[in-house]
Amino acid sequence: MRKSLLVVLLVLVAAIVLASPLKVAFIYVGPVGDAGWTYTHDLGRQYVQKLFGDKIQVTYIESVPEGAEAITVLKSLASRGFKLIYTTSFSYMQQTAQVAKQFPNVIFENCSGYITLPNMGDYFGRIYQAEFLTGLIAGAMTKDGKIGYVGAYPIPEVIRGINAFTIGVRMVNPKATVHVVWVNSWYDPATEKEAALSLINAGCDIIKSETDSAAPLQAAEEQHVYAIGYNSDMVKFAPHYYLTSAIFNWGKFYEMDIKDVLNGTWKPREYWGGLDDGVVGLAPMTDLVPPQTKKLVEAMKEELRNHKFRVFDGPIYDQNGNLKVPAGDTVSDADLLSMNWFVEGVIGKIPK
């Protein structure tokens, strides 16, 4: 009798455990705000929270510093029963790996990193595809052939975006140049605005940003210069001169990933999705963009989505005129992830 009762109790406990919501946590590198990198990740969080309802229990912590504090936060979440933890910045990669080894029954996902473990994956989006599309717009709409680019850090992720953008620019305007200013920060509105103004003062008639704030677009609006954003749709920050933005749709990945965890089919992987997965995209183009340019962009978007065109197919020359990618070749994913050279048409240096 006691054995039978024990079996019943164990079955009930198992049922309760299975019925319990999956506890999911997101760690953000900055404030959520209303634009930029962290904002897009939080949109993804809101999307899956609504989609999965009571199947998941979600929390987030914003503006978590790198280093020891990130480790403390990770350990706290894992100890409190969170079974799926997203660290949404490359700067958390090492800390995530360290804590993942200490909590083998917790699943960790790091954004834009490269370390995988039995319980840790990494994920990112091929945002360079969307950057290429914005380049088509900039190349078609520049009057003076000088386009300004506010870059965050001189790392492969940003260099790749600048190159893809420039390839798009010169596909429609072979003589146009893209002028780069580094701000050495992901989020520093004052410095970003100063960088944009310096580019405008140097004669650039379009500003492209790859930082987390909308400051470069606001500077462009003030100076009556066209602006192209990054991360999210930033139209409200430059309503009279905004063209579009290269955007992330992180909810698409979070949906796929959480489904795998709930179904018990999750495995560590290095996810790098693109336009075909919907993880990256283009914000609606405003009426400032000519109809023929919109038509070209939509056509190239379909080519990219259907894998009929690749941004980094040769021939590609570097900024010194050296052939880097012969005709018929393409840049491999491994080389894209370590890219440290500028394509022809970029004006600027990559600091060592």
Protein backbone atom coordinates (compact mmCIF):
# COMPACT_ATOMS: atom_id res chain seq x y z
CA MET A 1 0.00 0.00 0.00
CA ARG A 2 2.78 2.41 0.97
CA LYS A 3 4.66 1.57 -2.24
CA SER A 4 1.54 2.23 -4.30
CA LEU A 5 1.03 5.55 -2.54
CA LEU A 6 4.67 6.47 -3.14
CA VAL A 7 4.32 5.73 -6.84
CA VAL A 8 1.22 7.91 -7.04
CA LEU A 9 3.00 10.75 -5.27
CA LEU A 10 5.99 10.51 -7.60
CA VAL A 11 3.71 10.62 -10.63
CA LEU A 12 1.94 13.68 -9.23
CA VAL A 13 5.24 15.44 -8.54
CA ALA A 14 6.45 14.67 -12.08
CA ALA A 15 3.21 16.01 -13.50
CA ILE A 16 3.57 19.21 -11.51
CA VAL A 17 7.17 19.62 -12.67
CA LEU A 18 6.20 19.05 -16.29
CA ALA A 19 3.32 21.50 -15.95
CA SER A 20 5.55 24.17 -14.44
CA PRO A 21 6.42 27.02 -16.77
CA LEU A 22 9.90 27.17 -18.27
CA LYS A 23 11.76 29.95 -16.46
CA VAL A 24 13.53 32.14 -19.03
CA ALA A 25 15.85 35.08 -18.31
CA PHE A 26 17.38 37.77 -20.51
CA ILE A 27 20.49 39.73 -19.55
CA TYR A 28 20.87 43.09 -21.30
CA VAL A 29 24.07 45.08 -21.77
CA GLY A 30 22.28 48.44 -21.71
CA PRO A 31 18.97 50.09 -20.84
CA VAL A 32 15.94 48.93 -22.80
CA GLY A 33 15.14 52.45 -24.00
CA ASP A 34 13.12 53.01 -27.16
CA ALA A 35 15.69 52.24 -29.86
CA GLY A 36 18.90 50.34 -30.41
CA TRP A 37 20.35 46.92 -29.64
CA THR A 38 18.82 46.20 -26.23
CA TYR A 39 15.47 47.56 -27.32
CA THR A 40 15.30 45.02 -30.17
CA HIS A 41 16.13 42.13 -27.83
CA ASP A 42 13.41 43.29 -25.46
CA LEU A 43 10.94 43.37 -28.34
CA GLY A 44 11.89 39.73 -28.89
CA ARG A 45 11.30 38.99 -25.20
CA GLN A 46 7.86 40.60 -25.32
CA TYR A 47 7.03 38.65 -28.47
CA VAL A 48 7.77 35.22 -26.99
CA GLN A 49 6.20 36.10 -23.65
CA LYS A 50 2.94 36.82 -25.46
CA LEU A 51 3.32 33.87 -27.84
CA PHE A 52 3.98 31.16 -25.24
CA GLY A 53 1.82 32.59 -22.48
CA ASP A 54 1.80 30.52 -19.29
CA LYS A 55 4.21 27.95 -20.76
CA ILE A 56 7.09 30.25 -19.85
CA GLN A 57 7.93 32.59 -17.00
CA VAL A 58 10.14 35.44 -18.16
CA THR A 59 12.34 38.01 -16.49
CA TYR A 60 15.05 40.40 -17.65
CA ILE A 61 17.86 42.42 -16.11
CA GLU A 62 19.11 45.50 -17.92
CA SER A 63 22.44 47.37 -17.86
CA VAL A 64 24.45 44.47 -16.44
CA PRO A 65 28.17 45.37 -16.39
CA GLU A 66 30.74 43.03 -17.88
CA GLY A 67 33.06 40.97 -15.70
CA ALA A 68 32.45 39.80 -12.13
CA GLU A 69 29.02 41.39 -11.83
CA ALA A 70 27.75 39.50 -14.89
CA ILE A 71 28.96 36.23 -13.32
CA THR A 72 27.12 37.07 -10.10
CA VAL A 73 23.89 37.77 -12.01
CA LEU A 74 24.20 34.57 -14.04
CA LYS A 75 24.80 32.43 -10.97
CA SER A 76 21.88 34.03 -9.18
CA LEU A 77 19.48 33.33 -12.04
CA ALA A 78 20.66 29.73 -12.42
CA SER A 79 20.37 29.14 -8.67
CA ARG A 80 16.81 30.52 -8.65
CA GLY A 81 15.61 27.93 -11.13
CA PHE A 82 15.90 29.71 -14.47
CA LYS A 83 16.51 26.95 -17.01
CA LEU A 84 17.10 29.06 -20.12
CA ILE A 85 19.27 32.17 -19.94
CA TYR A 86 20.04 34.53 -22.82
CA THR A 87 23.07 36.82 -22.55
CA THR A 88 22.52 39.37 -25.28
CA SER A 89 26.04 40.66 -25.92
CA PHE A 90 29.40 39.35 -27.07
CA SER A 91 30.89 40.97 -23.97
CA TYR A 92 29.23 38.30 -21.81
CA MET A 93 30.60 35.33 -23.74
CA GLN A 94 33.40 34.27 -21.38
CA GLN A 95 31.28 34.80 -18.27
CA THR A 96 28.42 32.80 -19.78
CA ALA A 97 30.75 29.91 -20.59
CA GLN A 98 32.22 29.97 -17.08
CA VAL A 99 28.84 29.77 -15.39
CA ALA A 100 27.46 27.25 -17.91
CA LYS A 101 30.15 24.79 -16.82
CA GLN A 102 28.98 25.18 -13.22
CA PHE A 103 25.29 24.65 -14.03
CA PRO A 104 25.12 21.79 -16.57
CA ASN A 105 21.33 21.47 -16.22
CA VAL A 106 20.74 25.07 -17.35
CA ILE A 107 20.73 26.09 -21.02
CA PHE A 108 22.62 29.25 -21.93
CA GLU A 109 22.58 31.20 -25.20
CA ASN A 110 25.05 33.99 -25.98
CA CYS A 111 24.41 36.54 -28.69
CA SER A 112 27.21 37.19 -31.23
CA GLY A 113 29.77 34.99 -29.47
CA TYR A 114 31.48 31.86 -30.72
CA ILE A 115 31.79 29.49 -27.73
CA THR A 116 29.54 26.44 -27.61
CA LEU A 117 29.28 23.86 -24.85
CA PRO A 118 26.93 20.90 -24.24
CA ASN A 119 24.54 23.37 -22.56
CA MET A 120 25.54 26.60 -24.35
CA GLY A 121 24.83 27.84 -27.85
CA ASP A 122 25.42 31.11 -29.66
CA TYR A 123 23.28 33.11 -32.05
CA PHE A 124 23.43 36.12 -34.33
CA GLY A 125 21.79 37.56 -37.43
CA ARG A 126 23.25 38.21 -40.88
CA ILE A 127 22.55 41.90 -40.51
CA TYR A 128 25.09 42.59 -43.26
CA GLN A 129 22.41 41.47 -45.74
CA ALA A 130 20.15 44.29 -44.61
CA GLU A 131 23.12 46.67 -44.53
CA PHE A 132 23.71 45.89 -48.20
CA LEU A 133 20.11 46.83 -48.98
CA THR A 134 20.46 50.15 -47.16
CA GLY A 135 23.60 50.75 -49.21
CA LEU A 136 21.57 50.46 -52.40
CA ILE A 137 19.33 53.24 -51.13
CA ALA A 138 22.22 55.46 -50.06
CA GLY A 139 24.05 54.97 -53.34
CA ALA A 140 20.96 55.90 -55.31
CA MET A 141 20.13 58.98 -53.24
CA THR A 142 23.48 60.66 -52.54
CA LYS A 143 23.95 63.80 -54.57
CA ASP A 144 27.61 64.46 -53.85
CA GLY A 145 28.79 60.85 -53.68
CA LYS A 146 30.01 61.17 -50.07
CA ILE A 147 28.26 59.10 -47.44
CA GLY A 148 29.11 59.14 -43.73
CA TYR A 149 29.20 56.03 -41.56
CA VAL A 150 29.27 56.17 -37.74
CA GLY A 151 30.93 52.92 -36.61
CA ALA A 152 30.99 51.56 -33.07
CA TYR A 153 34.11 49.41 -32.65
CA PRO A 154 36.58 48.28 -35.36
CA ILE A 155 35.62 44.60 -34.95
CA PRO A 156 34.65 42.09 -37.67
CA GLU A 157 30.93 42.51 -36.99
CA VAL A 158 31.04 46.24 -37.73
CA ILE A 159 33.66 46.02 -40.50
CA ARG A 160 31.46 43.42 -42.22
CA GLY A 161 28.50 45.80 -42.06
CA ILE A 162 30.47 48.73 -43.44
CA ASN A 163 31.73 46.58 -46.31
CA ALA A 164 28.28 45.20 -47.15
CA PHE A 165 26.82 48.71 -47.08
CA THR A 166 29.60 50.00 -49.37
CA ILE A 167 29.12 47.12 -51.81
CA GLY A 168 25.46 48.13 -52.03
CA VAL A 169 26.34 51.80 -52.48
CA ARG A 170 28.76 51.14 -55.31
CA MET A 171 26.51 48.66 -57.06
CA VAL A 172 24.32 51.61 -58.03
CA ASN A 173 26.89 54.42 -57.76
CA PRO A 174 30.40 53.11 -58.57
CA LYS A 175 32.16 56.38 -57.79
CA ALA A 176 30.54 57.04 -54.41
CA THR A 177 32.63 56.72 -51.23
CA VAL A 178 31.76 55.79 -47.64
CA HIS A 179 33.59 57.75 -44.95
CA VAL A 180 33.97 56.04 -41.57
CA VAL A 181 34.35 57.61 -38.13
CA TRP A 182 34.82 55.33 -35.10
CA VAL A 183 33.27 56.20 -31.73
CA ASN A 184 34.68 53.17 -29.83
CA SER A 185 31.44 52.62 -27.99
CA TRP A 186 28.14 50.86 -28.58
CA TYR A 187 26.16 53.49 -26.73
CA ASP A 188 27.46 57.02 -26.30
CA PRO A 189 24.90 59.47 -27.71
CA ALA A 190 27.08 62.57 -27.30
CA THR A 191 30.08 61.05 -29.09
CA GLU A 192 27.87 59.48 -31.77
CA LYS A 193 26.26 62.84 -32.51
CA GLU A 194 29.65 64.54 -32.65
CA ALA A 195 30.87 61.90 -35.11
CA ALA A 196 27.83 62.40 -37.34
CA LEU A 197 28.28 66.17 -37.32
CA SER A 198 31.95 65.82 -38.25
CA LEU A 199 30.97 63.71 -41.26
CA ILE A 200 28.30 66.20 -42.30
CA ASN A 201 30.78 69.07 -41.97
CA ALA A 202 33.16 67.09 -44.21
CA GLY A 203 30.55 67.07 -46.97
CA CYS A 204 28.66 63.80 -46.44
CA ASP A 205 25.04 64.14 -47.53
CA ILE A 206 23.77 60.85 -46.01
CA ILE A 207 24.51 59.50 -42.52
CA LYS A 208 24.47 55.77 -41.80
CA SER A 209 24.72 54.62 -38.19
CA GLU A 210 25.78 51.30 -36.67
CA THR A 211 25.59 52.29 -33.04
CA ASP A 212 22.88 51.79 -30.43
CA SER A 213 21.48 55.27 -29.97
CA ALA A 214 19.55 57.45 -32.40
CA ALA A 215 21.92 60.40 -31.90
CA PRO A 216 23.48 60.21 -35.42
CA LEU A 217 20.01 60.33 -36.96
CA GLN A 218 19.02 63.26 -34.79
CA ALA A 219 22.16 65.10 -35.92
CA ALA A 220 21.25 64.40 -39.55
CA GLU A 221 17.70 65.66 -38.99
CA GLU A 222 19.01 68.89 -37.47
CA GLN A 223 21.37 69.43 -40.41
CA HIS A 224 18.79 68.48 -43.07
CA VAL A 225 20.72 65.41 -44.19
CA TYR A 226 19.28 61.99 -45.07
CA ALA A 227 19.67 59.34 -42.37
CA ILE A 228 19.70 55.52 -42.23
CA GLY A 229 19.39 53.76 -38.88
CA TYR A 230 20.37 50.47 -37.31
CA ASN A 231 18.86 47.85 -34.97
CA SER A 232 15.25 49.10 -35.07
CA ASP A 233 12.93 51.37 -37.03
CA MET A 234 14.12 54.84 -36.00
CA VAL A 235 11.77 56.93 -38.10
CA LYS A 236 10.52 59.02 -35.15
CA PHE A 237 14.02 60.35 -34.47
CA ALA A 238 14.43 61.90 -37.93
CA PRO A 239 10.90 62.20 -39.33
CA HIS A 240 11.79 64.52 -42.19
CA TYR A 241 15.04 62.95 -43.43
CA TYR A 242 14.84 59.28 -42.43
CA LEU A 243 15.08 56.67 -45.19
CA THR A 244 15.05 53.25 -43.46
CA SER A 245 17.01 51.05 -41.02
CA ALA A 246 18.69 47.66 -41.03
CA ILE A 247 16.83 45.87 -38.25
CA PHE A 248 16.92 42.75 -36.07
CA ASN A 249 13.84 40.62 -35.37
CA TRP A 250 15.16 38.59 -32.42
CA GLY A 251 11.73 37.21 -31.62
CA LYS A 252 12.04 34.88 -34.63
CA PHE A 253 15.07 33.20 -33.10
CA TYR A 254 13.73 33.19 -29.55
CA GLU A 255 10.56 31.51 -30.78
CA MET A 256 12.48 28.71 -32.52
CA ASP A 257 14.84 28.25 -29.59
CA ILE A 258 12.21 28.15 -26.86
CA LYS A 259 10.14 25.67 -28.87
CA ASP A 260 13.17 23.36 -29.00
CA VAL A 261 13.67 23.63 -25.24
CA LEU A 262 10.00 22.97 -24.50
CA ASN A 263 9.98 20.01 -26.88
CA GLY A 264 13.17 18.56 -25.43
CA THR A 265 14.94 18.80 -28.80
CA TRP A 266 17.35 21.64 -27.98
CA LYS A 267 20.97 21.14 -28.99
CA PRO A 268 23.88 23.62 -28.86
CA ARG A 269 24.54 25.28 -32.19
CA GLU A 270 26.07 28.32 -33.82
CA TYR A 271 23.01 30.01 -35.28
CA TRP A 272 23.49 32.70 -37.90
CA GLY A 273 20.16 33.48 -39.53
CA GLY A 274 19.39 36.00 -42.23
CA LEU A 275 16.63 37.43 -44.34
CA ASP A 276 15.45 33.91 -45.11
CA ASP A 277 14.69 33.27 -41.42
CA GLY A 278 13.30 36.74 -40.83
CA VAL A 279 15.81 37.38 -38.03
CA VAL A 280 17.10 40.44 -39.90
CA GLY A 281 15.22 42.75 -42.18
CA LEU A 282 14.63 46.24 -43.47
CA ALA A 283 12.39 48.79 -41.78
CA PRO A 284 9.72 50.28 -44.04
CA MET A 285 11.26 52.65 -46.55
CA THR A 286 9.84 56.15 -46.28
CA ASP A 287 8.30 58.12 -49.12
CA LEU A 288 11.62 59.93 -49.56
CA VAL A 289 12.98 56.82 -51.29
CA PRO A 290 12.15 56.96 -55.03
CA PRO A 291 9.83 54.21 -56.35
CA GLN A 292 12.48 52.81 -58.71
CA THR A 293 14.93 52.49 -55.82
CA LYS A 294 12.31 50.73 -53.69
CA LYS A 295 11.69 48.35 -56.55
CA LEU A 296 15.42 47.54 -56.82
CA VAL A 297 15.71 47.00 -53.06
CA GLU A 298 12.73 44.64 -52.98
CA ALA A 299 14.11 42.67 -55.93
CA MET A 300 17.54 42.29 -54.29
CA LYS A 301 15.91 41.36 -50.99
CA GLU A 302 14.21 38.44 -52.72
CA GLU A 303 17.48 37.43 -54.37
CA LEU A 304 19.16 37.34 -50.96
CA ARG A 305 16.27 35.58 -49.27
CA ASN A 306 16.24 32.85 -51.93
CA HIS A 307 20.06 32.49 -51.91
CA LYS A 308 20.34 33.55 -55.54
CA PHE A 309 22.68 36.40 -54.61
CA ARG A 310 25.37 36.68 -51.95
CA VAL A 311 26.70 40.04 -50.81
CA PHE A 312 30.34 38.97 -50.73
CA ASP A 313 30.61 37.22 -54.09
CA GLY A 314 33.65 38.22 -56.12
CA PRO A 315 35.19 40.09 -57.69
CA ILE A 316 35.86 42.25 -54.64
CA TYR A 317 38.79 44.63 -54.26
CA ASP A 318 40.05 46.09 -51.01
CA GLN A 319 40.37 49.83 -50.43
CA ASN A 320 43.93 49.76 -51.81
CA GLY A 321 42.81 48.22 -55.10
CA ASN A 322 44.04 44.69 -54.36
CA LEU A 323 41.88 41.80 -55.54
CA LYS A 324 40.64 40.04 -52.38
CA VAL A 325 37.88 37.83 -53.80
CA PRO A 326 38.22 36.65 -57.41
CA ALA A 327 35.20 36.32 -59.68
CA GLY A 328 33.44 33.05 -59.02
CA ASP A 329 34.55 32.94 -55.37
CA THR A 330 32.85 34.17 -52.24
CA VAL A 331 33.92 35.05 -48.71
CA SER A 332 33.38 32.08 -46.40
CA ASP A 333 31.50 32.40 -43.12
CA ALA A 334 34.74 31.85 -41.24
CA ASP A 335 36.36 34.76 -43.07
CA LEU A 336 33.28 36.95 -42.62
CA LEU A 337 33.44 36.33 -38.88
CA SER A 338 37.07 37.45 -38.78
CA MET A 339 36.93 40.19 -41.44
CA ASN A 340 39.58 42.86 -40.86
CA TRP A 341 39.84 44.72 -44.17
CA PHE A 342 37.81 47.35 -46.00
CA VAL A 343 36.41 47.02 -49.50
CA GLU A 344 37.09 49.49 -52.28
CA GLY A 345 35.18 52.70 -51.72
CA VAL A 346 35.62 52.91 -47.95
CA ILE A 347 37.53 55.94 -46.72
CA GLY A 348 38.91 55.29 -43.26
CA LYS A 349 41.29 53.08 -41.34
CA ILE A 350 40.93 50.03 -39.15
CA PRO A 351 42.95 50.71 -35.98
CA LYS A 352 45.21 47.92 -34.84
